[in-house]
Amino acid sequence: MQTTNSNAQSKKLEMLLWSIAFPGFGQLLNSRYFKGILFIALEFVTNCFGHFNTVIVLSYNGKIQEAVAQTNYQWLMFYPCLYFFAMWDAYRDAGGGEKPYSFMPFAFSAYFVTLGLIFSAQLKLFGVLLGPMWLPILFLPFGLLVGFLIQFILLKIDAKNSG
C-alpha cells in the first residue's frame, strides 16, 4: 500500500515540476493533449509578445533597466495566471488537490506574482531595482503564504460549521 501512495505522490510531483519547467508539459504527460498543446501555444504567444526570454537573459546578466525597457507589460501580465493555472491543472489531473481549497496557494501565487510584475519597473528593495523577473519571483512566497493561510482558515470554518 505504501508503494501505491508513493507512486501517486511521485506522479503529482512529476506533473507539477514539468509544468513549472514549461506550462503544458504536465498536461501532455497526463494525456490531456488538447489542453497541453493549448497551454504550450498560450505560453509561447505570451512569452514572445511579452519579450519574456529577453527579459530573463537581461535580468540574469544584471541589465535590469534594459529588461524593464524590453518588457511588454500588457502581454507579460497574462503570464503569471497562465503559468500557475497550468501548474494547478496538471497537478489536479494527476490526482492532487483533493483537499478542499487546494487551489488557493496556486491562485494567490498568480495574484502576487502579477502584483510583483506590475510594480517591477519602479519598486526598489534596499535601493535596488529588481525588475520584471526578480521582483515577481520575490512576491511568490507571499502568494503561497496567503494562499495557504486562507486555505487553513476556510478549512477551520468548514470544520466548525460541520461539527
N, C-alpha and C. Protein backbone atom coordinates (compact mmCIF):
# COMPACT_ATOMS: atom_id res chain seq x y z
N MET A 1 0.83 -1.20 0.00
CA MET A 1 0.00 0.00 0.00
C MET A 1 0.86 1.25 0.00
N GLN A 2 1.95 1.21 0.73
CA GLN A 2 2.86 2.36 0.79
C GLN A 2 3.43 2.69 -0.58
N THR A 3 3.74 1.65 -1.37
CA THR A 3 4.31 1.87 -2.70
C THR A 3 3.31 2.58 -3.61
N THR A 4 2.02 2.20 -3.53
CA THR A 4 0.98 2.85 -4.33
C THR A 4 0.89 4.32 -3.97
N ASN A 5 0.91 4.63 -2.68
CA ASN A 5 0.85 6.02 -2.23
C ASN A 5 2.08 6.79 -2.70
N SER A 6 3.24 6.16 -2.62
CA SER A 6 4.48 6.81 -3.08
C SER A 6 4.43 7.07 -4.57
N ASN A 7 3.89 6.12 -5.33
CA ASN A 7 3.77 6.32 -6.78
C ASN A 7 2.82 7.47 -7.11
N ALA A 8 1.71 7.55 -6.38
CA ALA A 8 0.75 8.63 -6.61
C ALA A 8 1.38 9.98 -6.27
N GLN A 9 2.10 10.04 -5.15
CA GLN A 9 2.77 11.28 -4.76
C GLN A 9 3.83 11.66 -5.80
N SER A 10 4.56 10.66 -6.27
CA SER A 10 5.60 10.89 -7.27
C SER A 10 4.99 11.45 -8.56
N LYS A 11 3.85 10.90 -8.96
CA LYS A 11 3.20 11.38 -10.19
C LYS A 11 2.73 12.83 -10.04
N LYS A 12 2.15 13.17 -8.90
CA LYS A 12 1.71 14.55 -8.66
C LYS A 12 2.90 15.50 -8.73
N LEU A 13 3.99 15.12 -8.08
CA LEU A 13 5.19 15.95 -8.09
C LEU A 13 5.77 16.06 -9.50
N GLU A 14 5.78 14.95 -10.22
CA GLU A 14 6.29 14.95 -11.60
C GLU A 14 5.50 15.93 -12.47
N MET A 15 4.19 15.89 -12.38
CA MET A 15 3.35 16.79 -13.19
C MET A 15 3.57 18.25 -12.80
N LEU A 16 3.68 18.47 -11.50
CA LEU A 16 3.91 19.83 -11.02
C LEU A 16 5.25 20.37 -11.52
N LEU A 17 6.29 19.57 -11.41
CA LEU A 17 7.62 20.03 -11.82
C LEU A 17 7.74 20.22 -13.33
N TRP A 18 7.11 19.34 -14.13
CA TRP A 18 7.14 19.55 -15.58
C TRP A 18 6.35 20.79 -15.97
N SER A 19 5.28 21.07 -15.23
CA SER A 19 4.52 22.30 -15.51
C SER A 19 5.29 23.54 -15.12
N ILE A 20 6.10 23.44 -14.07
CA ILE A 20 6.96 24.56 -13.70
C ILE A 20 8.00 24.78 -14.79
N ALA A 21 8.53 23.69 -15.32
CA ALA A 21 9.53 23.80 -16.39
C ALA A 21 8.94 24.45 -17.63
N PHE A 22 7.73 24.05 -18.00
CA PHE A 22 7.08 24.62 -19.19
C PHE A 22 5.59 24.34 -19.12
N PRO A 23 4.77 25.38 -19.04
CA PRO A 23 3.31 25.16 -18.99
C PRO A 23 2.84 24.34 -20.18
N GLY A 24 2.08 23.30 -19.88
CA GLY A 24 1.57 22.39 -20.90
C GLY A 24 2.21 21.03 -20.87
N PHE A 25 3.45 20.94 -20.40
CA PHE A 25 4.13 19.64 -20.36
C PHE A 25 3.43 18.67 -19.41
N GLY A 26 2.97 19.16 -18.26
CA GLY A 26 2.26 18.30 -17.32
C GLY A 26 0.98 17.75 -17.93
N GLN A 27 0.28 18.59 -18.70
CA GLN A 27 -0.94 18.14 -19.36
C GLN A 27 -0.62 17.06 -20.39
N LEU A 28 0.46 17.23 -21.14
CA LEU A 28 0.84 16.21 -22.12
C LEU A 28 1.15 14.88 -21.43
N LEU A 29 1.86 14.93 -20.32
CA LEU A 29 2.17 13.71 -19.58
C LEU A 29 0.91 13.08 -18.97
N ASN A 30 -0.09 13.90 -18.69
CA ASN A 30 -1.36 13.40 -18.16
C ASN A 30 -2.30 12.94 -19.29
N SER A 31 -1.80 12.92 -20.52
CA SER A 31 -2.58 12.54 -21.71
C SER A 31 -3.73 13.50 -21.97
N ARG A 32 -3.59 14.74 -21.58
CA ARG A 32 -4.57 15.80 -21.87
C ARG A 32 -3.97 16.63 -23.01
N TYR A 33 -3.96 16.04 -24.19
CA TYR A 33 -3.21 16.59 -25.31
C TYR A 33 -3.73 17.94 -25.79
N PHE A 34 -5.05 18.10 -25.86
CA PHE A 34 -5.59 19.38 -26.31
C PHE A 34 -5.19 20.50 -25.35
N LYS A 35 -5.40 20.25 -24.04
CA LYS A 35 -5.03 21.26 -23.05
C LYS A 35 -3.53 21.52 -23.07
N GLY A 36 -2.74 20.47 -23.19
CA GLY A 36 -1.29 20.63 -23.21
C GLY A 36 -0.83 21.49 -24.37
N ILE A 37 -1.33 21.20 -25.55
CA ILE A 37 -0.95 21.98 -26.74
C ILE A 37 -1.46 23.41 -26.61
N LEU A 38 -2.65 23.57 -26.07
CA LEU A 38 -3.20 24.92 -25.87
C LEU A 38 -2.34 25.72 -24.90
N PHE A 39 -1.95 25.12 -23.77
CA PHE A 39 -1.09 25.82 -22.81
C PHE A 39 0.27 26.15 -23.40
N ILE A 40 0.84 25.23 -24.16
CA ILE A 40 2.13 25.50 -24.81
C ILE A 40 1.99 26.65 -25.79
N ALA A 41 0.93 26.66 -26.57
CA ALA A 41 0.71 27.76 -27.53
C ALA A 41 0.50 29.09 -26.81
N LEU A 42 -0.31 29.08 -25.75
CA LEU A 42 -0.54 30.32 -24.99
C LEU A 42 0.74 30.81 -24.34
N GLU A 43 1.54 29.88 -23.79
CA GLU A 43 2.81 30.25 -23.19
C GLU A 43 3.73 30.86 -24.24
N PHE A 44 3.79 30.25 -25.40
CA PHE A 44 4.64 30.74 -26.48
C PHE A 44 4.22 32.14 -26.91
N VAL A 45 2.93 32.35 -27.08
CA VAL A 45 2.43 33.66 -27.53
C VAL A 45 2.71 34.74 -26.48
N THR A 46 2.36 34.47 -25.21
CA THR A 46 2.59 35.49 -24.18
C THR A 46 4.07 35.71 -23.95
N ASN A 47 4.86 34.66 -24.03
CA ASN A 47 6.31 34.78 -23.88
C ASN A 47 6.89 35.65 -24.99
N CYS A 48 6.51 35.37 -26.23
CA CYS A 48 7.05 36.13 -27.37
C CYS A 48 6.60 37.59 -27.35
N PHE A 49 5.31 37.81 -27.22
CA PHE A 49 4.81 39.18 -27.24
C PHE A 49 5.19 39.97 -25.99
N GLY A 50 5.40 39.28 -24.88
CA GLY A 50 5.84 39.95 -23.66
C GLY A 50 7.35 40.13 -23.59
N HIS A 51 8.08 39.53 -24.54
CA HIS A 51 9.55 39.57 -24.62
C HIS A 51 10.20 38.93 -23.39
N PHE A 52 9.55 37.90 -22.86
CA PHE A 52 9.98 37.34 -21.59
C PHE A 52 11.36 36.70 -21.66
N ASN A 53 11.68 35.99 -22.72
CA ASN A 53 13.02 35.39 -22.80
C ASN A 53 14.10 36.46 -22.81
N THR A 54 13.86 37.55 -23.50
CA THR A 54 14.81 38.67 -23.50
C THR A 54 14.95 39.24 -22.09
N VAL A 55 13.82 39.38 -21.40
CA VAL A 55 13.82 39.89 -20.03
C VAL A 55 14.63 38.96 -19.12
N ILE A 56 14.47 37.66 -19.29
CA ILE A 56 15.19 36.69 -18.48
C ILE A 56 16.70 36.81 -18.71
N VAL A 57 17.10 36.83 -19.97
CA VAL A 57 18.53 36.92 -20.29
C VAL A 57 19.13 38.22 -19.74
N LEU A 58 18.45 39.34 -19.96
CA LEU A 58 18.95 40.62 -19.46
C LEU A 58 19.01 40.63 -17.94
N SER A 59 18.00 40.06 -17.29
CA SER A 59 17.96 40.04 -15.82
C SER A 59 19.10 39.21 -15.25
N TYR A 60 19.34 38.05 -15.83
CA TYR A 60 20.45 37.22 -15.36
C TYR A 60 21.80 37.89 -15.57
N ASN A 61 21.88 38.78 -16.52
CA ASN A 61 23.12 39.50 -16.78
C ASN A 61 23.18 40.84 -16.06
N GLY A 62 22.23 41.08 -15.16
CA GLY A 62 22.24 42.29 -14.34
C GLY A 62 21.84 43.56 -15.08
N LYS A 63 21.26 43.44 -16.25
CA LYS A 63 20.85 44.61 -17.04
C LYS A 63 19.36 44.87 -16.81
N ILE A 64 19.06 45.29 -15.60
CA ILE A 64 17.67 45.41 -15.16
C ILE A 64 16.94 46.53 -15.89
N GLN A 65 17.57 47.69 -16.06
CA GLN A 65 16.91 48.79 -16.78
C GLN A 65 16.58 48.38 -18.21
N GLU A 66 17.49 47.66 -18.85
CA GLU A 66 17.22 47.17 -20.20
C GLU A 66 16.07 46.16 -20.19
N ALA A 67 16.02 45.32 -19.17
CA ALA A 67 14.93 44.35 -19.04
C ALA A 67 13.59 45.06 -18.91
N VAL A 68 13.56 46.10 -18.08
CA VAL A 68 12.33 46.88 -17.91
C VAL A 68 11.92 47.50 -19.24
N ALA A 69 12.88 48.06 -19.96
CA ALA A 69 12.59 48.70 -21.23
C ALA A 69 12.08 47.71 -22.28
N GLN A 70 12.55 46.48 -22.23
CA GLN A 70 12.14 45.46 -23.20
C GLN A 70 10.79 44.82 -22.88
N THR A 71 10.35 44.94 -21.64
CA THR A 71 9.14 44.25 -21.21
C THR A 71 7.89 44.88 -21.82
N ASN A 72 7.06 44.04 -22.41
CA ASN A 72 5.74 44.46 -22.84
C ASN A 72 4.78 44.02 -21.74
N TYR A 73 4.49 44.92 -20.82
CA TYR A 73 3.70 44.61 -19.64
C TYR A 73 2.27 44.20 -20.00
N GLN A 74 1.73 44.75 -21.08
CA GLN A 74 0.37 44.39 -21.48
C GLN A 74 0.26 42.90 -21.81
N TRP A 75 1.30 42.32 -22.34
CA TRP A 75 1.29 40.89 -22.63
C TRP A 75 1.80 40.06 -21.45
N LEU A 76 2.86 40.52 -20.82
CA LEU A 76 3.50 39.71 -19.78
C LEU A 76 2.61 39.54 -18.55
N MET A 77 1.66 40.45 -18.36
CA MET A 77 0.78 40.32 -17.20
C MET A 77 -0.14 39.10 -17.29
N PHE A 78 -0.31 38.53 -18.48
CA PHE A 78 -1.07 37.30 -18.61
C PHE A 78 -0.28 36.09 -18.11
N TYR A 79 1.03 36.20 -18.13
CA TYR A 79 1.90 35.06 -17.89
C TYR A 79 1.73 34.41 -16.51
N PRO A 80 1.72 35.17 -15.41
CA PRO A 80 1.60 34.50 -14.10
C PRO A 80 0.32 33.68 -13.96
N CYS A 81 -0.80 34.19 -14.41
CA CYS A 81 -2.05 33.44 -14.28
C CYS A 81 -2.03 32.19 -15.15
N LEU A 82 -1.53 32.32 -16.36
CA LEU A 82 -1.40 31.16 -17.24
C LEU A 82 -0.47 30.12 -16.61
N TYR A 83 0.65 30.58 -16.12
CA TYR A 83 1.68 29.72 -15.56
C TYR A 83 1.15 28.93 -14.36
N PHE A 84 0.54 29.62 -13.40
CA PHE A 84 0.08 28.95 -12.19
C PHE A 84 -1.18 28.12 -12.44
N PHE A 85 -2.02 28.56 -13.36
CA PHE A 85 -3.19 27.74 -13.69
C PHE A 85 -2.76 26.44 -14.36
N ALA A 86 -1.79 26.50 -15.26
CA ALA A 86 -1.29 25.29 -15.91
C ALA A 86 -0.69 24.33 -14.87
N MET A 87 0.02 24.88 -13.90
CA MET A 87 0.57 24.03 -12.83
C MET A 87 -0.55 23.37 -12.04
N TRP A 88 -1.53 24.17 -11.63
CA TRP A 88 -2.66 23.64 -10.85
C TRP A 88 -3.39 22.57 -11.64
N ASP A 89 -3.65 22.84 -12.90
CA ASP A 89 -4.41 21.92 -13.73
C ASP A 89 -3.70 20.57 -13.88
N ALA A 90 -2.40 20.59 -14.14
CA ALA A 90 -1.63 19.35 -14.28
C ALA A 90 -1.58 18.60 -12.96
N TYR A 91 -1.39 19.32 -11.88
CA TYR A 91 -1.34 18.72 -10.54
C TYR A 91 -2.68 18.07 -10.20
N ARG A 92 -3.76 18.78 -10.47
CA ARG A 92 -5.11 18.26 -10.18
C ARG A 92 -5.41 17.03 -11.05
N ASP A 93 -5.06 17.10 -12.34
CA ASP A 93 -5.31 15.96 -13.22
C ASP A 93 -4.50 14.73 -12.81
N ALA A 94 -3.40 14.93 -12.12
CA ALA A 94 -2.58 13.80 -11.65
C ALA A 94 -3.08 13.27 -10.31
N GLY A 95 -4.17 13.82 -9.80
CA GLY A 95 -4.73 13.34 -8.54
C GLY A 95 -4.44 14.23 -7.36
N GLY A 96 -3.79 15.34 -7.57
CA GLY A 96 -3.51 16.27 -6.48
C GLY A 96 -4.70 17.18 -6.22
N GLY A 97 -4.59 17.94 -5.18
CA GLY A 97 -5.63 18.92 -4.87
C GLY A 97 -6.92 18.32 -4.37
N GLU A 98 -6.84 17.18 -3.71
CA GLU A 98 -8.04 16.53 -3.19
C GLU A 98 -8.57 17.24 -1.95
N LYS A 99 -7.70 17.88 -1.22
CA LYS A 99 -8.09 18.61 -0.02
C LYS A 99 -8.88 19.85 -0.45
N PRO A 100 -9.97 20.18 0.23
CA PRO A 100 -10.72 21.39 -0.14
C PRO A 100 -9.83 22.64 -0.14
N TYR A 101 -10.10 23.51 -1.07
CA TYR A 101 -9.41 24.80 -1.21
C TYR A 101 -7.93 24.65 -1.57
N SER A 102 -7.55 23.51 -2.12
CA SER A 102 -6.15 23.28 -2.50
C SER A 102 -5.67 24.23 -3.59
N PHE A 103 -6.59 24.82 -4.30
CA PHE A 103 -6.23 25.75 -5.37
C PHE A 103 -5.75 27.10 -4.84
N MET A 104 -6.03 27.39 -3.58
CA MET A 104 -5.71 28.72 -3.03
C MET A 104 -4.24 29.12 -3.18
N PRO A 105 -3.28 28.28 -2.81
CA PRO A 105 -1.88 28.69 -2.97
C PRO A 105 -1.51 29.00 -4.43
N PHE A 106 -2.06 28.24 -5.37
CA PHE A 106 -1.79 28.49 -6.78
C PHE A 106 -2.39 29.83 -7.22
N ALA A 107 -3.66 30.05 -6.85
CA ALA A 107 -4.34 31.28 -7.26
C ALA A 107 -3.67 32.51 -6.65
N PHE A 108 -3.36 32.46 -5.36
CA PHE A 108 -2.75 33.62 -4.73
C PHE A 108 -1.31 33.83 -5.19
N SER A 109 -0.63 32.76 -5.57
CA SER A 109 0.70 32.92 -6.18
C SER A 109 0.58 33.70 -7.48
N ALA A 110 -0.42 33.36 -8.29
CA ALA A 110 -0.63 34.09 -9.55
C ALA A 110 -0.92 35.57 -9.27
N TYR A 111 -1.77 35.84 -8.28
CA TYR A 111 -2.09 37.23 -7.94
C TYR A 111 -0.85 38.00 -7.50
N PHE A 112 -0.10 37.43 -6.59
CA PHE A 112 1.05 38.14 -6.04
C PHE A 112 2.18 38.30 -7.05
N VAL A 113 2.42 37.29 -7.87
CA VAL A 113 3.45 37.43 -8.91
C VAL A 113 3.03 38.51 -9.90
N THR A 114 1.74 38.58 -10.22
CA THR A 114 1.25 39.64 -11.10
C THR A 114 1.47 41.01 -10.46
N LEU A 115 1.20 41.12 -9.16
CA LEU A 115 1.47 42.39 -8.47
C LEU A 115 2.96 42.74 -8.52
N GLY A 116 3.81 41.76 -8.32
CA GLY A 116 5.25 42.00 -8.43
C GLY A 116 5.62 42.51 -9.80
N LEU A 117 5.00 41.95 -10.82
CA LEU A 117 5.26 42.41 -12.19
C LEU A 117 4.79 43.84 -12.39
N ILE A 118 3.61 44.15 -11.87
CA ILE A 118 3.05 45.50 -12.02
C ILE A 118 3.99 46.55 -11.44
N PHE A 119 4.57 46.26 -10.29
CA PHE A 119 5.43 47.24 -9.61
C PHE A 119 6.91 47.11 -9.98
N SER A 120 7.25 46.19 -10.84
CA SER A 120 8.65 45.86 -11.11
C SER A 120 9.44 46.96 -11.81
N ALA A 121 8.78 47.88 -12.47
CA ALA A 121 9.51 48.93 -13.19
C ALA A 121 9.98 50.05 -12.27
N GLN A 122 9.36 50.17 -11.07
CA GLN A 122 9.75 51.28 -10.21
C GLN A 122 10.05 50.90 -8.76
N LEU A 123 9.56 49.76 -8.28
CA LEU A 123 9.77 49.40 -6.89
C LEU A 123 11.19 48.92 -6.66
N LYS A 124 11.84 49.58 -5.70
CA LYS A 124 13.21 49.20 -5.33
C LYS A 124 13.21 48.61 -3.94
N LEU A 125 13.99 47.57 -3.75
CA LEU A 125 14.18 47.00 -2.43
C LEU A 125 15.60 47.29 -2.00
N PHE A 126 15.71 47.99 -0.87
CA PHE A 126 17.02 48.40 -0.35
C PHE A 126 17.80 49.18 -1.41
N GLY A 127 17.07 50.01 -2.17
CA GLY A 127 17.68 50.85 -3.19
C GLY A 127 18.02 50.14 -4.48
N VAL A 128 17.61 48.89 -4.64
CA VAL A 128 17.95 48.12 -5.83
C VAL A 128 16.68 47.83 -6.64
N LEU A 129 16.71 48.19 -7.91
CA LEU A 129 15.62 47.86 -8.82
C LEU A 129 15.81 46.41 -9.27
N LEU A 130 14.83 45.57 -8.98
CA LEU A 130 14.95 44.15 -9.30
C LEU A 130 14.35 43.78 -10.65
N GLY A 131 13.43 44.60 -11.13
CA GLY A 131 12.92 44.42 -12.48
C GLY A 131 11.83 43.37 -12.63
N PRO A 132 11.45 43.12 -13.89
CA PRO A 132 10.28 42.30 -14.20
C PRO A 132 10.47 40.79 -14.07
N MET A 133 11.66 40.35 -13.73
CA MET A 133 11.83 38.92 -13.47
C MET A 133 12.02 38.65 -11.98
N TRP A 134 12.95 39.35 -11.36
CA TRP A 134 13.30 39.05 -9.97
C TRP A 134 12.24 39.51 -8.97
N LEU A 135 11.65 40.68 -9.16
CA LEU A 135 10.65 41.15 -8.19
C LEU A 135 9.42 40.24 -8.16
N PRO A 136 8.86 39.84 -9.30
CA PRO A 136 7.74 38.89 -9.22
C PRO A 136 8.11 37.59 -8.52
N ILE A 137 9.33 37.10 -8.72
CA ILE A 137 9.76 35.88 -8.04
C ILE A 137 9.78 36.11 -6.52
N LEU A 138 10.19 37.29 -6.10
CA LEU A 138 10.21 37.58 -4.66
C LEU A 138 8.81 37.71 -4.07
N PHE A 139 7.82 38.03 -4.91
CA PHE A 139 6.44 38.12 -4.44
C PHE A 139 5.80 36.73 -4.30
N LEU A 140 6.38 35.72 -4.93
CA LEU A 140 5.81 34.37 -4.91
C LEU A 140 5.63 33.81 -3.50
N PRO A 141 6.63 33.86 -2.62
CA PRO A 141 6.41 33.30 -1.28
C PRO A 141 5.24 33.94 -0.53
N PHE A 142 5.02 35.22 -0.77
CA PHE A 142 3.89 35.90 -0.12
C PHE A 142 2.56 35.35 -0.64
N GLY A 143 2.50 35.09 -1.94
CA GLY A 143 1.30 34.49 -2.52
C GLY A 143 1.05 33.11 -1.97
N LEU A 144 2.11 32.31 -1.87
CA LEU A 144 1.97 30.97 -1.29
C LEU A 144 1.50 31.05 0.15
N LEU A 145 2.12 31.93 0.93
CA LEU A 145 1.77 32.09 2.34
C LEU A 145 0.31 32.51 2.50
N VAL A 146 -0.12 33.52 1.76
CA VAL A 146 -1.50 33.98 1.86
C VAL A 146 -2.46 32.88 1.40
N GLY A 147 -2.11 32.19 0.31
CA GLY A 147 -2.96 31.11 -0.19
C GLY A 147 -3.12 29.99 0.83
N PHE A 148 -2.01 29.56 1.43
CA PHE A 148 -2.09 28.51 2.45
C PHE A 148 -2.84 28.99 3.69
N LEU A 149 -2.64 30.25 4.06
CA LEU A 149 -3.33 30.81 5.22
C LEU A 149 -4.84 30.86 4.99
N ILE A 150 -5.25 31.32 3.81
CA ILE A 150 -6.69 31.37 3.51
C ILE A 150 -7.26 29.95 3.44
N GLN A 151 -6.52 29.02 2.86
CA GLN A 151 -6.97 27.62 2.83
C GLN A 151 -7.15 27.10 4.25
N PHE A 152 -6.20 27.36 5.12
CA PHE A 152 -6.26 26.92 6.51
C PHE A 152 -7.49 27.51 7.21
N ILE A 153 -7.70 28.81 7.03
CA ILE A 153 -8.85 29.48 7.67
C ILE A 153 -10.16 28.90 7.16
N LEU A 154 -10.28 28.72 5.85
CA LEU A 154 -11.52 28.17 5.29
C LEU A 154 -11.76 26.74 5.76
N LEU A 155 -10.70 25.94 5.89
CA LEU A 155 -10.87 24.58 6.41
C LEU A 155 -11.32 24.60 7.86
N LYS A 156 -10.79 25.54 8.66
CA LYS A 156 -11.23 25.67 10.06
C LYS A 156 -12.70 26.09 10.13
N ILE A 157 -13.10 27.02 9.27
CA ILE A 157 -14.51 27.46 9.24
C ILE A 157 -15.41 26.30 8.85
N ASP A 158 -15.00 25.53 7.83
CA ASP A 158 -15.78 24.37 7.41
C ASP A 158 -15.92 23.35 8.53
N ALA A 159 -14.79 23.10 9.24
CA ALA A 159 -14.80 22.12 10.33
C ALA A 159 -15.71 22.60 11.46
N LYS A 160 -15.68 23.88 11.74
CA LYS A 160 -16.51 24.45 12.82
C LYS A 160 -17.99 24.37 12.45
N ASN A 161 -18.31 24.66 11.17
CA ASN A 161 -19.70 24.63 10.72
C ASN A 161 -20.26 23.21 10.61
N SER A 162 -19.40 22.24 10.35
CA SER A 162 -19.90 20.87 10.20
C SER A 162 -19.84 20.07 11.50
N GLY A 163 -19.19 20.62 12.50
CA GLY A 163 -19.03 19.86 13.74
C GLY A 163 -19.70 20.47 14.85
